[in-house]
Amino acid sequence: MKENSPMKMRTFYQNKLWRDGMVTTREQEGSIFHFKNLTDTEYQQELGKKLIEEAEEVAAAPSRENLVEELADVLEVIDALCAAHGLSKEEVLAAQTAKRNKRGGFLGRKFVETVEHPETSSAVQYCLNQPEKYPEIKKK
């Protein structure tokens, strides 16, 4: 390639929230970004999507080292969500502790395959209100 000829560029859809520092790094390498500044509502929605993206990367982490990196990304998104919603991390941690004290955590490793609730319990209505998440098994 001649020194004065323009660099050939390839364009890719992204449609996702990027870390500020990564945009700067890629711009310094010659990348050209086309982005928009988000409204508060759009930003909060995109942070929610980013949390799901990062959580999927946690689930797929192939090594301990990668898992640490992906969990760090999740915590970064959580920090941004807290800031975007005017929440303190302490407030969220207090809610976590209260919920764990009331309902327990996940260290017991109880993977529930199916559950039978008494017909009059509130759990039945909870499941019926979310059929895509908790499909009912019809008895034959």
C-alpha atoms as a PDB file:
ATOM      1  CA  MET A   1       0.000   0.000   0.000  1.00  0.00           C
ATOM      2  CA  LYS A   2       1.325   3.436  -0.867  1.00  0.00           C
ATOM      3  CA  GLU A   3       2.093   5.706   2.039  1.00  0.00           C
ATOM      4  CA  ASN A   4      -0.405   8.382   0.907  1.00  0.00           C
ATOM      5  CA  SER A   5      -3.227   6.054  -0.110  1.00  0.00           C
ATOM      6  CA  PRO A   6      -6.219   5.899   2.243  1.00  0.00           C
ATOM      7  CA  MET A   7      -6.482   2.916   4.560  1.00  0.00           C
ATOM      8  CA  LYS A   8      -9.110   0.417   3.413  1.00  0.00           C
ATOM      9  CA  MET A   9     -11.824   0.158   6.055  1.00  0.00           C
ATOM     10  CA  ARG A  10     -14.351  -2.580   6.854  1.00  0.00           C
ATOM     11  CA  THR A  11     -17.584  -1.721   8.634  1.00  0.00           C
ATOM     12  CA  PHE A  12     -19.375  -3.860  11.213  1.00  0.00           C
ATOM     13  CA  TYR A  13     -22.674  -3.468  13.042  1.00  0.00           C
ATOM     14  CA  GLN A  14     -22.265  -3.199  16.790  1.00  0.00           C
ATOM     15  CA  ASN A  15     -25.489  -1.810  18.238  1.00  0.00           C
ATOM     16  CA  LYS A  16     -24.279  -2.123  21.808  1.00  0.00           C
ATOM     17  CA  LEU A  17     -22.781  -0.136  24.637  1.00  0.00           C
ATOM     18  CA  TRP A  18     -18.977   0.037  24.588  1.00  0.00           C
ATOM     19  CA  ARG A  19     -16.549   0.880  27.365  1.00  0.00           C
ATOM     20  CA  ASP A  20     -15.317   4.474  26.981  1.00  0.00           C
ATOM     21  CA  GLY A  21     -11.662   3.470  27.084  1.00  0.00           C
ATOM     22  CA  MET A  22     -12.100   0.864  24.354  1.00  0.00           C
ATOM     23  CA  VAL A  23     -13.597   3.464  22.011  1.00  0.00           C
ATOM     24  CA  THR A  24     -10.588   5.713  22.648  1.00  0.00           C
ATOM     25  CA  THR A  25      -8.127   2.842  22.130  1.00  0.00           C
ATOM     26  CA  ARG A  26      -9.713   1.782  18.846  1.00  0.00           C
ATOM     27  CA  GLU A  27      -9.901   5.404  17.625  1.00  0.00           C
ATOM     28  CA  GLN A  28      -6.162   5.726  18.267  1.00  0.00           C
ATOM     29  CA  GLU A  29      -5.696   2.629  16.093  1.00  0.00           C
ATOM     30  CA  GLY A  30      -7.615   4.319  13.270  1.00  0.00           C
ATOM     31  CA  SER A  31     -11.143   3.033  13.845  1.00  0.00           C
ATOM     32  CA  ILE A  32     -13.976   5.402  13.084  1.00  0.00           C
ATOM     33  CA  PHE A  33     -17.027   5.189  15.335  1.00  0.00           C
ATOM     34  CA  HIS A  34     -20.547   6.210  14.444  1.00  0.00           C
ATOM     35  CA  PHE A  35     -22.463   6.498  17.676  1.00  0.00           C
ATOM     36  CA  LYS A  36     -25.166   8.445  19.402  1.00  0.00           C
ATOM     37  CA  ASN A  37     -25.389   9.767  22.909  1.00  0.00           C
ATOM     38  CA  LEU A  38     -28.135   7.982  24.787  1.00  0.00           C
ATOM     39  CA  THR A  39     -30.953   9.493  26.797  1.00  0.00           C
ATOM     40  CA  ASP A  40     -31.176   8.424  30.426  1.00  0.00           C
ATOM     41  CA  THR A  41     -33.879   5.892  29.562  1.00  0.00           C
ATOM     42  CA  GLU A  42     -31.957   4.488  26.591  1.00  0.00           C
ATOM     43  CA  TYR A  43     -28.789   4.277  28.684  1.00  0.00           C
ATOM     44  CA  GLN A  44     -30.555   2.348  31.422  1.00  0.00           C
ATOM     45  CA  GLN A  45     -32.048  -0.034  28.834  1.00  0.00           C
ATOM     46  CA  GLU A  46     -28.672  -0.582  27.176  1.00  0.00           C
ATOM     47  CA  LEU A  47     -27.036  -1.257  30.542  1.00  0.00           C
ATOM     48  CA  GLY A  48     -29.647  -3.951  31.118  1.00  0.00           C
ATOM     49  CA  LYS A  49     -28.772  -5.518  27.766  1.00  0.00           C
ATOM     50  CA  LYS A  50     -25.071  -5.233  28.588  1.00  0.00           C
ATOM     51  CA  LEU A  51     -25.636  -7.037  31.889  1.00  0.00           C
ATOM     52  CA  ILE A  52     -27.260  -9.924  30.014  1.00  0.00           C
ATOM     53  CA  GLU A  53     -24.389  -9.981  27.486  1.00  0.00           C
ATOM     54  CA  GLU A  54     -21.789 -10.073  30.248  1.00  0.00           C
ATOM     55  CA  ALA A  55     -23.720 -12.697  32.214  1.00  0.00           C
ATOM     56  CA  GLU A  56     -23.771 -14.925  29.118  1.00  0.00           C
ATOM     57  CA  GLU A  57     -20.002 -14.489  28.862  1.00  0.00           C
ATOM     58  CA  VAL A  58     -19.681 -15.512  32.527  1.00  0.00           C
ATOM     59  CA  ALA A  59     -21.690 -18.653  31.809  1.00  0.00           C
ATOM     60  CA  ALA A  60     -19.439 -19.513  28.854  1.00  0.00           C
ATOM     61  CA  ALA A  61     -16.099 -18.692  30.526  1.00  0.00           C
ATOM     62  CA  PRO A  62     -13.657 -21.462  29.586  1.00  0.00           C
ATOM     63  CA  SER A  63     -11.164 -20.909  32.409  1.00  0.00           C
ATOM     64  CA  ARG A  64     -10.824 -19.503  35.899  1.00  0.00           C
ATOM     65  CA  GLU A  65      -8.855 -16.538  34.551  1.00  0.00           C
ATOM     66  CA  ASN A  66     -11.531 -15.774  31.975  1.00  0.00           C
ATOM     67  CA  LEU A  67     -14.257 -16.168  34.613  1.00  0.00           C
ATOM     68  CA  VAL A  68     -12.543 -13.560  36.801  1.00  0.00           C
ATOM     69  CA  GLU A  69     -12.402 -11.156  33.837  1.00  0.00           C
ATOM     70  CA  GLU A  70     -16.053 -11.697  32.934  1.00  0.00           C
ATOM     71  CA  LEU A  71     -17.219 -11.316  36.548  1.00  0.00           C
ATOM     72  CA  ALA A  72     -15.265  -8.048  36.679  1.00  0.00           C
ATOM     73  CA  ASP A  73     -17.223  -6.914  33.617  1.00  0.00           C
ATOM     74  CA  VAL A  74     -20.504  -7.806  35.343  1.00  0.00           C
ATOM     75  CA  LEU A  75     -19.477  -5.761  38.387  1.00  0.00           C
ATOM     76  CA  GLU A  76     -18.580  -2.834  36.116  1.00  0.00           C
ATOM     77  CA  VAL A  77     -22.052  -2.927  34.564  1.00  0.00           C
ATOM     78  CA  ILE A  78     -23.634  -3.189  38.014  1.00  0.00           C
ATOM     79  CA  ASP A  79     -21.688  -0.112  39.137  1.00  0.00           C
ATOM     80  CA  ALA A  80     -22.914   1.779  36.058  1.00  0.00           C
ATOM     81  CA  LEU A  81     -26.501   0.652  36.671  1.00  0.00           C
ATOM     82  CA  CYS A  82     -26.283   1.851  40.268  1.00  0.00           C
ATOM     83  CA  ALA A  83     -24.989   5.247  39.139  1.00  0.00           C
ATOM     84  CA  ALA A  84     -27.597   5.526  36.356  1.00  0.00           C
ATOM     85  CA  HIS A  85     -30.419   4.857  38.806  1.00  0.00           C
ATOM     86  CA  GLY A  86     -29.019   6.890  41.683  1.00  0.00           C
ATOM     87  CA  LEU A  87     -28.366   3.848  43.864  1.00  0.00           C
ATOM     88  CA  SER A  88     -25.407   3.300  46.126  1.00  0.00           C
ATOM     89  CA  LYS A  89     -23.551   0.008  46.035  1.00  0.00           C
ATOM     90  CA  GLU A  90     -24.089  -0.183  49.807  1.00  0.00           C
ATOM     91  CA  GLU A  91     -27.856   0.000  49.254  1.00  0.00           C
ATOM     92  CA  VAL A  92     -27.707  -2.899  46.798  1.00  0.00           C
ATOM     93  CA  LEU A  93     -25.423  -4.936  49.075  1.00  0.00           C
ATOM     94  CA  ALA A  94     -27.809  -4.356  51.995  1.00  0.00           C
ATOM     95  CA  ALA A  95     -30.709  -5.626  49.866  1.00  0.00           C
ATOM     96  CA  GLN A  96     -28.604  -8.642  48.863  1.00  0.00           C
ATOM     97  CA  THR A  97     -27.869  -9.452  52.504  1.00  0.00           C
ATOM     98  CA  ALA A  98     -31.510  -9.023  53.517  1.00  0.00           C
ATOM     99  CA  LYS A  99     -32.676 -11.256  50.661  1.00  0.00           C
ATOM    100  CA  ARG A 100     -30.073 -13.904  51.497  1.00  0.00           C
ATOM    101  CA  ASN A 101     -31.094 -13.824  55.172  1.00  0.00           C
ATOM    102  CA  LYS A 102     -34.770 -14.211  54.249  1.00  0.00           C
ATOM    103  CA  ARG A 103     -34.586 -16.579  51.257  1.00  0.00           C
ATOM    104  CA  GLY A 104     -31.097 -18.061  51.330  1.00  0.00           C
ATOM    105  CA  GLY A 105     -28.393 -18.043  48.691  1.00  0.00           C
ATOM    106  CA  PHE A 106     -27.273 -20.527  46.059  1.00  0.00           C
ATOM    107  CA  LEU A 107     -24.491 -22.380  47.848  1.00  0.00           C
ATOM    108  CA  GLY A 108     -26.775 -25.381  48.508  1.00  0.00           C
ATOM    109  CA  ARG A 109     -26.696 -26.191  44.777  1.00  0.00           C
ATOM    110  CA  LYS A 110     -30.399 -27.077  44.636  1.00  0.00           C
ATOM    111  CA  PHE A 111     -31.304 -27.369  40.938  1.00  0.00           C
ATOM    112  CA  VAL A 112     -35.084 -27.735  40.855  1.00  0.00           C
ATOM    113  CA  GLU A 113     -36.297 -29.696  37.838  1.00  0.00           C
ATOM    114  CA  THR A 114     -40.020 -29.541  38.610  1.00  0.00           C
ATOM    115  CA  VAL A 115     -42.101 -28.456  41.565  1.00  0.00           C
ATOM    116  CA  GLU A 116     -45.638 -29.246  42.652  1.00  0.00           C
ATOM    117  CA  HIS A 117     -47.430 -26.402  44.454  1.00  0.00           C
ATOM    118  CA  PRO A 118     -50.718 -26.706  46.333  1.00  0.00           C
ATOM    119  CA  GLU A 119     -53.448 -25.376  44.041  1.00  0.00           C
ATOM    120  CA  THR A 120     -54.358 -22.624  46.513  1.00  0.00           C
ATOM    121  CA  SER A 121     -50.798 -21.381  47.038  1.00  0.00           C
ATOM    122  CA  SER A 122     -49.579 -18.023  45.762  1.00  0.00           C
ATOM    123  CA  ALA A 123     -46.775 -19.890  43.985  1.00  0.00           C
ATOM    124  CA  VAL A 124     -49.307 -21.332  41.508  1.00  0.00           C
ATOM    125  CA  GLN A 125     -50.457 -17.873  40.444  1.00  0.00           C
ATOM    126  CA  TYR A 126     -46.839 -16.693  40.283  1.00  0.00           C
ATOM    127  CA  CYS A 127     -46.027 -19.498  37.817  1.00  0.00           C
ATOM    128  CA  LEU A 128     -49.251 -19.050  35.817  1.00  0.00           C
ATOM    129  CA  ASN A 129     -48.436 -15.355  35.360  1.00  0.00           C
ATOM    130  CA  GLN A 130     -45.136 -16.320  33.675  1.00  0.00           C
ATOM    131  CA  PRO A 131     -45.961 -19.324  31.463  1.00  0.00           C
ATOM    132  CA  GLU A 132     -42.932 -18.793  29.187  1.00  0.00           C
ATOM    133  CA  LYS A 133     -40.672 -19.040  32.218  1.00  0.00           C
ATOM    134  CA  TYR A 134     -42.607 -21.667  34.198  1.00  0.00           C
ATOM    135  CA  PRO A 135     -44.641 -23.825  31.809  1.00  0.00           C
ATOM    136  CA  GLU A 136     -47.233 -25.974  33.503  1.00  0.00           C
ATOM    137  CA  ILE A 137     -46.924 -29.738  33.108  1.00  0.00           C
ATOM    138  CA  LYS A 138     -50.364 -31.130  32.375  1.00  0.00           C
ATOM    139  CA  LYS A 139     -51.083 -34.509  33.958  1.00  0.00           C
ATOM    140  CA  LYS A 140     -52.460 -37.172  31.638  1.00  0.00           C
END
